[in-house]
Amino acid sequence: MIGSGTVKLVGVVLVSHSERLAEGLAELVRELGGDQVPVIAAGGMDDGSLGTSYGRIEQAVREADRGAGVLLLGDLGSALLTVKTLLDEGVGDEPDRPGAVLADAPFVEGAVAAVVTASAGGDLQAVRAAAEEARLFRKL
């Protein structure tokens, strides 16, 4: 709980090379987390092509940050490299509050676990751990 008694939930940013993939996953996990958890999609380039946009990710972190921190999940290698660069440059860092962190997690299963944990009021560390533990989930 931060501030005026309102519970601040960890935000989740979904970083993909594809805008449609990020938006589709965001739609899915919003159903699980309700409208309480800020879930922001950051997919594709500004012109709609495939790729990852530093500016889109930076904006998504700002939109997802409600004071409890932001968890970022990426789909593939260069998306993760872009996120790492952004975090190294201090995006999401705020004094006296949780910042932004990247999870080493499967994109879909990690997002589901992260949003469910965030919706239950988990802090940034718990949300990240839930996302990363999702890589151990068996489907069969």
Foldseek 3Di string as FASTA:
>chain_A
DDDPPDQQFAEEEEEEQAQVVQVVLQVVLCVVLPPRQHYHYQYHDPVRHGDGDLVSRLVSLVSRCPFQEYEYEYADDVSVVSVVVSVVVPRQDDPPTYGYDYAPAHRRQLSNQLSNCRSVRHGPVNSSVSRHCSNVDDPD
